[in-house]
Protein backbone atom coordinates (compact mmCIF):
# COMPACT_ATOMS: atom_id res chain seq x y z
CA MET A 1 3.96 22.09 -34.30
CA THR A 2 5.38 19.32 -32.16
CA ALA A 3 3.92 17.59 -29.14
CA PRO A 4 5.30 18.54 -25.74
CA GLU A 5 7.98 16.28 -24.36
CA THR A 6 6.93 13.83 -21.71
CA SER A 7 8.82 13.91 -18.48
CA ARG A 8 10.76 10.81 -17.48
CA HIS A 9 10.59 11.86 -13.83
CA ARG A 10 8.48 9.50 -11.72
CA SER A 11 6.42 11.24 -9.08
CA GLY A 12 6.75 9.04 -6.01
CA TRP A 13 4.84 5.83 -5.30
CA TYR A 14 1.73 6.99 -7.17
CA GLY A 15 3.65 7.33 -10.46
CA SER A 16 2.59 3.94 -11.74
CA GLY A 17 3.08 2.17 -15.00
CA ALA A 18 -0.15 3.68 -16.29
CA ARG A 19 1.80 6.74 -17.48
CA ARG A 20 3.92 4.65 -19.81
CA ARG A 21 2.78 4.03 -23.35
CA THR A 22 3.28 0.29 -23.00
CA VAL A 23 2.91 -1.73 -19.84
CA THR A 24 4.47 -5.16 -19.73
CA MET A 25 2.63 -8.12 -18.28
CA ASP A 26 5.15 -8.19 -15.45
CA ASP A 27 4.36 -4.55 -14.57
CA ALA A 28 0.61 -5.24 -14.70
CA ARG A 29 1.01 -8.26 -12.45
CA ARG A 30 3.07 -6.24 -9.95
CA MET A 31 0.44 -3.46 -9.85
CA SER A 32 -2.36 -5.98 -9.37
CA ASP A 33 -0.47 -7.84 -6.64
CA SER A 34 0.24 -4.57 -4.86
CA ALA A 35 -3.43 -3.59 -4.89
CA TRP A 36 -4.53 -6.95 -3.46
CA VAL A 37 -1.82 -7.00 -0.80
CA ASN A 38 -2.52 -3.46 0.39
CA SER A 39 -6.29 -3.84 0.56
CA SER A 40 -5.88 -7.17 2.37
CA ARG A 41 -3.53 -5.57 4.89
CA LEU A 42 -5.99 -2.79 5.56
CA MET A 43 -8.93 -5.14 6.13
CA ALA A 44 -6.94 -7.68 8.14
CA GLY A 45 -5.46 -5.01 10.43
CA LEU A 46 -8.86 -3.52 11.12
CA ILE A 47 -10.52 -6.88 11.80
CA LEU A 48 -7.63 -8.34 13.81
CA TYR A 49 -7.07 -5.41 16.14
CA THR A 50 -10.79 -4.70 16.59
CA GLY A 51 -11.17 -8.36 17.53
CA LEU A 52 -8.27 -8.12 19.96
CA GLY A 53 -9.86 -4.99 21.45
CA TRP A 54 -13.12 -6.88 21.84
CA LEU A 55 -11.37 -9.81 23.58
CA VAL A 56 -9.51 -7.52 25.98
CA SER A 57 -12.70 -5.54 26.63
CA ARG A 58 -14.55 -8.74 27.55
CA TRP A 59 -11.79 -9.45 30.04
CA VAL A 60 -11.59 -5.89 31.43
CA GLY A 61 -15.18 -4.71 30.93
CA HIS A 62 -14.98 -1.59 28.71
CA GLN A 63 -16.30 -3.05 25.48
CA ALA A 64 -16.98 0.01 23.31
CA LEU A 65 -13.83 1.88 24.30
CA LEU A 66 -11.31 -0.92 23.76
CA MET A 67 -12.88 -2.00 20.47
CA ALA A 68 -12.51 1.56 19.18
CA VAL A 69 -8.92 1.74 20.39
CA GLY A 70 -8.21 -1.60 18.70
CA ALA A 71 -9.74 -0.37 15.43
CA ILE A 72 -7.68 2.82 15.48
CA VAL A 73 -4.46 0.95 16.29
CA GLY A 74 -5.22 -1.61 13.57
CA LEU A 75 -5.81 1.08 10.95
CA ALA A 76 -2.67 2.97 11.97
CA LEU A 77 -0.49 -0.13 11.74
CA SER A 78 -2.10 -1.14 8.45
CA TYR A 79 -1.44 2.27 6.92
CA TYR A 80 2.16 2.15 8.13
CA LEU A 81 2.66 -1.27 6.50
CA MET A 82 0.97 -0.09 3.30
CA PHE A 83 3.16 2.98 2.90
CA ALA A 84 6.31 1.06 3.84
CA SER A 85 5.58 -1.55 1.17
CA LEU A 86 4.75 1.14 -1.41
CA ALA A 87 8.06 2.88 -0.65
CA LYS A 88 9.88 -0.43 -1.12
CA GLU A 89 8.09 -1.02 -4.44
CA THR A 90 9.11 2.46 -5.59
CA ARG A 91 12.76 1.77 -4.75
CA ASP A 92 12.59 -1.58 -6.54
CA ASP A 93 10.93 0.01 -9.59
CA GLU A 94 13.58 2.74 -9.77
CA GLU A 95 16.30 0.10 -9.52
CA ARG A 96 14.69 -1.91 -12.36
CA GLN A 97 14.51 1.25 -14.49
CA ARG A 98 18.16 2.02 -13.82
CA GLN A 99 19.12 -1.49 -14.93
CA ASP A 100 16.93 -1.30 -18.07
CA THR A 101 18.22 2.13 -19.15
CA PRO A 102 21.48 1.84 -21.11
């Protein structure tokens, strides 16, 4: 009996190097960098836009409402930037695989 064949098809941005039998140091570094960048973007967007909402609310006078709007806008923009960067990484990874495959 033989083992089932593994698919070479990568399943979008979540198909990471963890599915491969061997992961190079360069791949591990890229995955680690991606995790740090994306979590930093998420936190920075939330803090920055909530802070901007707080500043505007101090000026206008609707503190709770504008802070919430700032937090929602910050999260939305952070998620957009995260998924855009993950899509770019996927394209770059597919291009690297095309160049490595003879």
